[in-house]
Full PDB file with SEQRES, HELIX, SHEET, SSBOND, CRYST1, ORIGX, SCALE, CONECT and MASTER records, all heavy atoms in Angstrom:
SEQRES   1 A   30  ASN THR VAL SER LEU GLY THR SER LEU ASN TYR ARG SER          
SEQRES   2 A   30  GLY ALA LEU PRO PHE GLN LYS ASN LEU ASN PRO LYS ASN          
SEQRES   3 A   30  TRP ALA PRO HIS                                              
CRYST1    1.000    1.000    1.000  90.00  90.00  90.00 P 1           1          
ORIGX1      1.000000  0.000000  0.000000        0.00000                         
ORIGX2      0.000000  1.000000  0.000000        0.00000                         
ORIGX3      0.000000  0.000000  1.000000        0.00000                         
SCALE1      1.000000  0.000000  0.000000        0.00000                         
SCALE2      0.000000  1.000000  0.000000        0.00000                         
SCALE3      0.000000  0.000000  1.000000        0.00000                         
ATOM      1  N   ASN A   1     -44.997  12.941  -0.679  1.00  0.00           N  
ATOM      2  CA  ASN A   1     -46.382  13.177  -1.074  1.00  0.00           C  
ATOM      3  C   ASN A   1     -46.769  12.423  -2.338  1.00  0.00           C  
ATOM      4  O   ASN A   1     -47.957  12.360  -2.680  1.00  0.00           O  
ATOM      5  CB  ASN A   1     -46.617  14.677  -1.315  1.00  0.00           C  
ATOM      6  CG  ASN A   1     -46.776  15.456  -0.030  1.00  0.00           C  
ATOM      7  OD1 ASN A   1     -47.212  14.918   0.972  1.00  0.00           O  
ATOM      8  ND2 ASN A   1     -46.404  16.721  -0.070  1.00  0.00           N  
ATOM      9  N   THR A   2     -45.763  11.871  -3.035  1.00  0.00           N  
ATOM     10  CA  THR A   2     -46.007  11.272  -4.346  1.00  0.00           C  
ATOM     11  C   THR A   2     -45.994   9.751  -4.321  1.00  0.00           C  
ATOM     12  O   THR A   2     -46.808   9.108  -4.987  1.00  0.00           O  
ATOM     13  CB  THR A   2     -44.948  11.779  -5.354  1.00  0.00           C  
ATOM     14  OG1 THR A   2     -45.009  13.204  -5.413  1.00  0.00           O  
ATOM     15  CG2 THR A   2     -45.196  11.219  -6.741  1.00  0.00           C  
ATOM     16  N   VAL A   3     -45.076   9.156  -3.598  1.00  0.00           N  
ATOM     17  CA  VAL A   3     -44.954   7.694  -3.623  1.00  0.00           C  
ATOM     18  C   VAL A   3     -46.111   7.040  -2.881  1.00  0.00           C  
ATOM     19  O   VAL A   3     -46.823   7.669  -2.092  1.00  0.00           O  
ATOM     20  CB  VAL A   3     -43.615   7.235  -3.014  1.00  0.00           C  
ATOM     21  CG1 VAL A   3     -42.458   7.743  -3.839  1.00  0.00           C  
ATOM     22  CG2 VAL A   3     -43.486   7.699  -1.558  1.00  0.00           C  
ATOM     23  N   SER A   4     -46.268   5.759  -3.130  1.00  0.00           N  
ATOM     24  CA  SER A   4     -47.338   4.982  -2.503  1.00  0.00           C  
ATOM     25  C   SER A   4     -47.223   4.996  -0.980  1.00  0.00           C  
ATOM     26  O   SER A   4     -46.113   5.076  -0.425  1.00  0.00           O  
ATOM     27  CB  SER A   4     -47.278   3.538  -3.002  1.00  0.00           C  
ATOM     28  OG  SER A   4     -48.099   2.696  -2.227  1.00  0.00           O  
ATOM     29  N   LEU A   5     -48.343   4.916  -0.319  1.00  0.00           N  
ATOM     30  CA  LEU A   5     -48.345   4.854   1.141  1.00  0.00           C  
ATOM     31  C   LEU A   5     -47.713   3.562   1.644  1.00  0.00           C  
ATOM     32  O   LEU A   5     -47.340   3.462   2.816  1.00  0.00           O  
ATOM     33  CB  LEU A   5     -49.777   4.980   1.667  1.00  0.00           C  
ATOM     34  CG  LEU A   5     -50.444   6.348   1.438  1.00  0.00           C  
ATOM     35  CD1 LEU A   5     -51.899   6.317   1.919  1.00  0.00           C  
ATOM     36  CD2 LEU A   5     -49.675   7.441   2.170  1.00  0.00           C  
ATOM     37  N   GLY A   6     -47.563   2.595   0.752  1.00  0.00           N  
ATOM     38  CA  GLY A   6     -46.909   1.348   1.133  1.00  0.00           C  
ATOM     39  C   GLY A   6     -45.414   1.347   0.882  1.00  0.00           C  
ATOM     40  O   GLY A   6     -44.725   0.367   1.190  1.00  0.00           O  
ATOM     41  N   THR A   7     -44.909   2.435   0.337  1.00  0.00           N  
ATOM     42  CA  THR A   7     -43.483   2.544   0.030  1.00  0.00           C  
ATOM     43  C   THR A   7     -42.669   2.811   1.296  1.00  0.00           C  
ATOM     44  O   THR A   7     -43.036   3.654   2.113  1.00  0.00           O  
ATOM     45  CB  THR A   7     -43.254   3.687  -0.981  1.00  0.00           C  
ATOM     46  OG1 THR A   7     -43.860   3.325  -2.222  1.00  0.00           O  
ATOM     47  CG2 THR A   7     -41.773   3.935  -1.191  1.00  0.00           C  
ATOM     48  N   SER A   8     -41.562   2.089   1.437  1.00  0.00           N  
ATOM     49  CA  SER A   8     -40.672   2.283   2.590  1.00  0.00           C  
ATOM     50  C   SER A   8     -39.636   3.355   2.253  1.00  0.00           C  
ATOM     51  O   SER A   8     -38.467   3.065   1.971  1.00  0.00           O  
ATOM     52  CB  SER A   8     -39.983   0.967   2.963  1.00  0.00           C  
ATOM     53  OG  SER A   8     -40.935   0.004   3.366  1.00  0.00           O  
ATOM     54  N   LEU A   9     -40.089   4.599   2.284  1.00  0.00           N  
ATOM     55  CA  LEU A   9     -39.220   5.720   1.967  1.00  0.00           C  
ATOM     56  C   LEU A   9     -38.243   5.953   3.113  1.00  0.00           C  
ATOM     57  O   LEU A   9     -38.639   6.044   4.268  1.00  0.00           O  
ATOM     58  CB  LEU A   9     -40.056   6.978   1.713  1.00  0.00           C  
ATOM     59  CG  LEU A   9     -39.293   8.266   1.415  1.00  0.00           C  
ATOM     60  CD1 LEU A   9     -38.494   8.146   0.128  1.00  0.00           C  
ATOM     61  CD2 LEU A   9     -40.262   9.448   1.327  1.00  0.00           C  
ATOM     62  N   ASN A  10     -36.964   6.083   2.780  1.00  0.00           N  
ATOM     63  CA  ASN A  10     -35.933   6.286   3.787  1.00  0.00           C  
ATOM     64  C   ASN A  10     -35.200   7.586   3.491  1.00  0.00           C  
ATOM     65  O   ASN A  10     -35.064   7.988   2.336  1.00  0.00           O  
ATOM     66  CB  ASN A  10     -34.948   5.108   3.760  1.00  0.00           C  
ATOM     67  CG  ASN A  10     -34.295   4.875   5.114  1.00  0.00           C  
ATOM     68  OD1 ASN A  10     -34.134   5.807   5.903  1.00  0.00           O  
ATOM     69  ND2 ASN A  10     -33.901   3.632   5.368  1.00  0.00           N  
ATOM     70  N   TYR A  11     -34.706   8.243   4.540  1.00  0.00           N  
ATOM     71  CA  TYR A  11     -33.988   9.509   4.353  1.00  0.00           C  
ATOM     72  C   TYR A  11     -32.876   9.664   5.372  1.00  0.00           C  
ATOM     73  O   TYR A  11     -33.041   9.394   6.551  1.00  0.00           O  
ATOM     74  CB  TYR A  11     -34.943  10.698   4.485  1.00  0.00           C  
ATOM     75  CG  TYR A  11     -34.212  12.011   4.713  1.00  0.00           C  
ATOM     76  CD1 TYR A  11     -33.505  12.623   3.685  1.00  0.00           C  
ATOM     77  CD2 TYR A  11     -34.194  12.619   5.973  1.00  0.00           C  
ATOM     78  CE1 TYR A  11     -32.811  13.807   3.886  1.00  0.00           C  
ATOM     79  CE2 TYR A  11     -33.500  13.806   6.190  1.00  0.00           C  
ATOM     80  CZ  TYR A  11     -32.803  14.394   5.150  1.00  0.00           C  
ATOM     81  OH  TYR A  11     -32.117  15.551   5.359  1.00  0.00           O  
ATOM     82  N   ARG A  12     -31.738  10.097   4.903  1.00  0.00           N  
ATOM     83  CA  ARG A  12     -30.644  10.621   5.715  1.00  0.00           C  
ATOM     84  C   ARG A  12     -29.965  11.713   4.907  1.00  0.00           C  
ATOM     85  O   ARG A  12     -29.789  11.564   3.701  1.00  0.00           O  
ATOM     86  CB  ARG A  12     -29.623   9.527   6.064  1.00  0.00           C  
ATOM     87  CG  ARG A  12     -30.051   8.587   7.179  1.00  0.00           C  
ATOM     88  CD  ARG A  12     -28.989   7.504   7.365  1.00  0.00           C  
ATOM     89  NE  ARG A  12     -29.202   6.701   8.563  1.00  0.00           N  
ATOM     90  CZ  ARG A  12     -30.038   5.671   8.645  1.00  0.00           C  
ATOM     91  NH1 ARG A  12     -30.749   5.332   7.581  1.00  0.00           N  
ATOM     92  NH2 ARG A  12     -30.162   4.993   9.768  1.00  0.00           N  
ATOM     93  N   SER A  13     -29.530  12.763   5.568  1.00  0.00           N  
ATOM     94  CA  SER A  13     -28.861  13.825   4.810  1.00  0.00           C  
ATOM     95  C   SER A  13     -27.518  13.337   4.287  1.00  0.00           C  
ATOM     96  O   SER A  13     -27.132  13.630   3.162  1.00  0.00           O  
ATOM     97  CB  SER A  13     -28.683  15.076   5.664  1.00  0.00           C  
ATOM     98  OG  SER A  13     -27.757  14.848   6.708  1.00  0.00           O  
ATOM     99  N   GLY A  14     -26.758  12.619   5.121  1.00  0.00           N  
ATOM    100  CA  GLY A  14     -25.527  11.982   4.668  1.00  0.00           C  
ATOM    101  C   GLY A  14     -24.321  12.895   4.557  1.00  0.00           C  
ATOM    102  O   GLY A  14     -23.193  12.452   4.729  1.00  0.00           O  
ATOM    103  N   ALA A  15     -24.540  14.159   4.233  1.00  0.00           N  
ATOM    104  CA  ALA A  15     -23.419  15.087   4.059  1.00  0.00           C  
ATOM    105  C   ALA A  15     -23.869  16.497   4.405  1.00  0.00           C  
ATOM    106  O   ALA A  15     -25.014  16.876   4.162  1.00  0.00           O  
ATOM    107  CB  ALA A  15     -22.902  15.037   2.623  1.00  0.00           C  
ATOM    108  N   LEU A  16     -22.955  17.261   4.990  1.00  0.00           N  
ATOM    109  CA  LEU A  16     -23.239  18.665   5.243  1.00  0.00           C  
ATOM    110  C   LEU A  16     -23.141  19.434   3.919  1.00  0.00           C  
ATOM    111  O   LEU A  16     -22.486  18.985   2.986  1.00  0.00           O  
ATOM    112  CB  LEU A  16     -22.239  19.224   6.257  1.00  0.00           C  
ATOM    113  CG  LEU A  16     -22.275  18.564   7.639  1.00  0.00           C  
ATOM    114  CD1 LEU A  16     -21.096  19.039   8.480  1.00  0.00           C  
ATOM    115  CD2 LEU A  16     -23.589  18.853   8.343  1.00  0.00           C  
ATOM    116  N   PRO A  17     -23.789  20.597   3.831  1.00  0.00           N  
ATOM    117  CA  PRO A  17     -23.777  21.300   2.534  1.00  0.00           C  
ATOM    118  C   PRO A  17     -22.392  21.630   2.000  1.00  0.00           C  
ATOM    119  O   PRO A  17     -22.074  21.332   0.838  1.00  0.00           O  
ATOM    120  CB  PRO A  17     -24.577  22.568   2.819  1.00  0.00           C  
ATOM    121  CG  PRO A  17     -25.487  22.216   3.923  1.00  0.00           C  
ATOM    122  CD  PRO A  17     -24.699  21.269   4.775  1.00  0.00           C  
ATOM    123  N   PHE A  18     -21.553  22.249   2.808  1.00  0.00           N  
ATOM    124  CA  PHE A  18     -20.331  22.821   2.256  1.00  0.00           C  
ATOM    125  C   PHE A  18     -19.060  22.423   2.996  1.00  0.00           C  
ATOM    126  O   PHE A  18     -17.992  22.967   2.734  1.00  0.00           O  
ATOM    127  CB  PHE A  18     -20.428  24.349   2.241  1.00  0.00           C  
ATOM    128  CG  PHE A  18     -21.653  24.869   1.560  1.00  0.00           C  
ATOM    129  CD1 PHE A  18     -22.459  25.824   2.169  1.00  0.00           C  
ATOM    130  CD2 PHE A  18     -22.028  24.402   0.312  1.00  0.00           C  
ATOM    131  CE1 PHE A  18     -23.599  26.305   1.539  1.00  0.00           C  
ATOM    132  CE2 PHE A  18     -23.164  24.879  -0.328  1.00  0.00           C  
ATOM    133  CZ  PHE A  18     -23.952  25.830   0.289  1.00  0.00           C  
ATOM    134  N   GLN A  19     -19.152  21.488   3.933  1.00  0.00           N  
ATOM    135  CA  GLN A  19     -17.952  21.110   4.660  1.00  0.00           C  
ATOM    136  C   GLN A  19     -17.993  19.632   5.014  1.00  0.00           C  
ATOM    137  O   GLN A  19     -19.054  19.007   5.022  1.00  0.00           O  
ATOM    138  CB  GLN A  19     -17.811  21.935   5.942  1.00  0.00           C  
ATOM    139  CG  GLN A  19     -18.869  21.651   7.003  1.00  0.00           C  
ATOM    140  CD  GLN A  19     -18.714  22.531   8.221  1.00  0.00           C  
ATOM    141  OE1 GLN A  19     -18.659  23.734   8.102  1.00  0.00           O  
ATOM    142  NE2 GLN A  19     -18.651  21.909   9.391  1.00  0.00           N  
ATOM    143  N   LYS A  20     -16.830  19.111   5.306  1.00  0.00           N  
ATOM    144  CA  LYS A  20     -16.701  17.699   5.647  1.00  0.00           C  
ATOM    145  C   LYS A  20     -17.428  17.397   6.944  1.00  0.00           C  
ATOM    146  O   LYS A  20     -17.475  18.207   7.871  1.00  0.00           O  
ATOM    147  CB  LYS A  20     -15.213  17.356   5.795  1.00  0.00           C  
ATOM    148  CG  LYS A  20     -14.911  15.891   6.026  1.00  0.00           C  
ATOM    149  CD  LYS A  20     -13.401  15.671   6.080  1.00  0.00           C  
ATOM    150  CE  LYS A  20     -13.091  14.193   6.324  1.00  0.00           C  
ATOM    151  NZ  LYS A  20     -11.630  13.943   6.385  1.00  0.00           N  
ATOM    152  N   ASN A  21     -18.050  16.214   6.994  1.00  0.00           N  
ATOM    153  CA  ASN A  21     -18.736  15.807   8.223  1.00  0.00           C  
ATOM    154  C   ASN A  21     -17.754  15.782   9.392  1.00  0.00           C  
ATOM    155  O   ASN A  21     -16.634  15.288   9.266  1.00  0.00           O  
ATOM    156  CB  ASN A  21     -19.351  14.413   8.060  1.00  0.00           C  
ATOM    157  CG  ASN A  21     -20.478  14.393   7.041  1.00  0.00           C  
ATOM    158  OD1 ASN A  21     -20.831  15.422   6.479  1.00  0.00           O  
ATOM    159  ND2 ASN A  21     -21.039  13.218   6.808  1.00  0.00           N  
ATOM    160  N   LEU A  22     -18.173  16.287  10.528  1.00  0.00           N  
ATOM    161  CA  LEU A  22     -17.309  16.321  11.709  1.00  0.00           C  
ATOM    162  C   LEU A  22     -17.175  14.944  12.343  1.00  0.00           C  
ATOM    163  O   LEU A  22     -16.148  14.622  12.942  1.00  0.00           O  
ATOM    164  CB  LEU A  22     -17.871  17.325  12.721  1.00  0.00           C  
ATOM    165  CG  LEU A  22     -17.953  18.776  12.230  1.00  0.00           C  
ATOM    166  CD1 LEU A  22     -18.550  19.673  13.305  1.00  0.00           C  
ATOM    167  CD2 LEU A  22     -16.576  19.279  11.817  1.00  0.00           C  
ATOM    168  N   ASN A  23     -18.202  14.137  12.200  1.00  0.00           N  
ATOM    169  CA  ASN A  23     -18.180  12.782  12.748  1.00  0.00           C  
ATOM    170  C   ASN A  23     -17.729  11.805  11.659  1.00  0.00           C  
ATOM    171  O   ASN A  23     -18.379  11.692  10.623  1.00  0.00           O  
ATOM    172  CB  ASN A  23     -19.578  12.409  13.242  1.00  0.00           C  
ATOM    173  CG  ASN A  23     -19.608  11.070  13.947  1.00  0.00           C  
ATOM    174  OD1 ASN A  23     -18.664  10.282  13.874  1.00  0.00           O  
ATOM    175  ND2 ASN A  23     -20.704  10.790  14.627  1.00  0.00           N  
ATOM    176  N   PRO A  24     -16.635  11.088  11.845  1.00  0.00           N  
ATOM    177  CA  PRO A  24     -16.156  10.168  10.807  1.00  0.00           C  
ATOM    178  C   PRO A  24     -17.077   8.968  10.593  1.00  0.00           C  
ATOM    179  O   PRO A  24     -16.993   8.309   9.555  1.00  0.00           O  
ATOM    180  CB  PRO A  24     -14.786   9.724  11.331  1.00  0.00           C  
ATOM    181  CG  PRO A  24     -14.871   9.903  12.806  1.00  0.00           C  
ATOM    182  CD  PRO A  24     -15.750  11.100  13.033  1.00  0.00           C  
ATOM    183  N   LYS A  25     -17.922   8.683  11.564  1.00  0.00           N  
ATOM    184  CA  LYS A  25     -18.862   7.573  11.418  1.00  0.00           C  
ATOM    185  C   LYS A  25     -20.125   8.069  10.710  1.00  0.00           C  
ATOM    186  O   LYS A  25     -20.757   9.016  11.150  1.00  0.00           O  
ATOM    187  CB  LYS A  25     -19.221   6.986  12.780  1.00  0.00           C  
ATOM    188  CG  LYS A  25     -18.050   6.305  13.475  1.00  0.00           C  
ATOM    189  CD  LYS A  25     -18.496   5.638  14.764  1.00  0.00           C  
ATOM    190  CE  LYS A  25     -17.332   4.883  15.420  1.00  0.00           C  
ATOM    191  NZ  LYS A  25     -17.738   4.205  16.670  1.00  0.00           N  
ATOM    192  N   ASN A  26     -20.474   7.427   9.615  1.00  0.00           N  
ATOM    193  CA  ASN A  26     -21.615   7.872   8.821  1.00  0.00           C  
ATOM    194  C   ASN A  26     -22.252   6.660   8.152  1.00  0.00           C  
ATOM    195  O   ASN A  26     -21.679   6.069   7.238  1.00  0.00           O  
ATOM    196  CB  ASN A  26     -21.153   8.892   7.765  1.00  0.00           C  
ATOM    197  CG  ASN A  26     -22.317   9.447   6.964  1.00  0.00           C  
ATOM    198  OD1 ASN A  26     -23.476   9.244   7.297  1.00  0.00           O  
ATOM    199  ND2 ASN A  26     -22.004  10.159   5.893  1.00  0.00           N  
ATOM    200  N   TRP A  27     -23.421   6.282   8.616  1.00  0.00           N  
ATOM    201  CA  TRP A  27     -24.083   5.098   8.074  1.00  0.00           C  
ATOM    202  C   TRP A  27     -24.822   5.397   6.762  1.00  0.00           C  
ATOM    203  O   TRP A  27     -25.201   4.490   6.021  1.00  0.00           O  
ATOM    204  CB  TRP A  27     -25.075   4.534   9.092  1.00  0.00           C  
ATOM    205  CG  TRP A  27     -25.685   3.234   8.648  1.00  0.00           C  
ATOM    206  CD1 TRP A  27     -26.959   3.005   8.249  1.00  0.00           C  
ATOM    207  CD2 TRP A  27     -25.012   1.978   8.541  1.00  0.00           C  
ATOM    208  NE1 TRP A  27     -27.143   1.697   7.895  1.00  0.00           N  
ATOM    209  CE2 TRP A  27     -25.956   1.037   8.067  1.00  0.00           C  
ATOM    210  CE3 TRP A  27     -23.693   1.555   8.791  1.00  0.00           C  
ATOM    211  CZ2 TRP A  27     -25.632  -0.303   7.843  1.00  0.00           C  
ATOM    212  CZ3 TRP A  27     -23.370   0.222   8.564  1.00  0.00           C  
ATOM    213  CH2 TRP A  27     -24.337  -0.688   8.097  1.00  0.00           C  
ATOM    214  N   ALA A  28     -24.998   6.690   6.452  1.00  0.00           N  
ATOM    215  CA  ALA A  28     -25.832   7.075   5.315  1.00  0.00           C  
ATOM    216  C   ALA A  28     -25.445   6.391   4.000  1.00  0.00           C  
ATOM    217  O   ALA A  28     -26.333   5.935   3.262  1.00  0.00           O  
ATOM    218  CB  ALA A  28     -25.825   8.591   5.159  1.00  0.00           C  
ATOM    219  N   PRO A  29     -24.169   6.283   3.625  1.00  0.00           N  
ATOM    220  CA  PRO A  29     -23.845   5.624   2.352  1.00  0.00           C  
ATOM    221  C   PRO A  29     -24.282   4.167   2.302  1.00  0.00           C  
ATOM    222  O   PRO A  29     -24.633   3.655   1.230  1.00  0.00           O  
ATOM    223  CB  PRO A  29     -22.316   5.741   2.264  1.00  0.00           C  
ATOM    224  CG  PRO A  29     -21.952   6.851   3.177  1.00  0.00           C  
ATOM    225  CD  PRO A  29     -22.951   6.809   4.284  1.00  0.00           C  
ATOM    226  N   HIS A  30     -24.271   3.511   3.461  1.00  0.00           N  
ATOM    227  CA  HIS A  30     -24.612   2.087   3.504  1.00  0.00           C  
ATOM    228  C   HIS A  30     -26.083   1.837   3.191  1.00  0.00           C  
ATOM    229  O   HIS A  30     -26.450   0.739   2.759  1.00  0.00           O  
ATOM    230  CB  HIS A  30     -24.270   1.504   4.874  1.00  0.00           C  
ATOM    231  CG  HIS A  30     -22.817   1.576   5.211  1.00  0.00           C  
ATOM    232  ND1 HIS A  30     -21.924   0.578   4.899  1.00  0.00           N  
ATOM    233  CD2 HIS A  30     -22.091   2.553   5.835  1.00  0.00           C  
ATOM    234  CE1 HIS A  30     -20.711   0.906   5.311  1.00  0.00           C  
ATOM    235  NE2 HIS A  30     -20.787   2.111   5.888  1.00  0.00           N  
TER     236      HIS A  30                                                      
MASTER        0    0    0    0    0    0    0    6  235    1    0    3          
END                                                                             
C-alpha cells in the first residue's frame, strides 16, 4: 500500500515459521 505503483514488489515466504522446509528445493533465497 506504500510503495509506488511502478515498483516491482516481489514476495515469497521462503521459510516455515517454526520448522525446516519439507521441500529441499527453495528458490526464495535466490
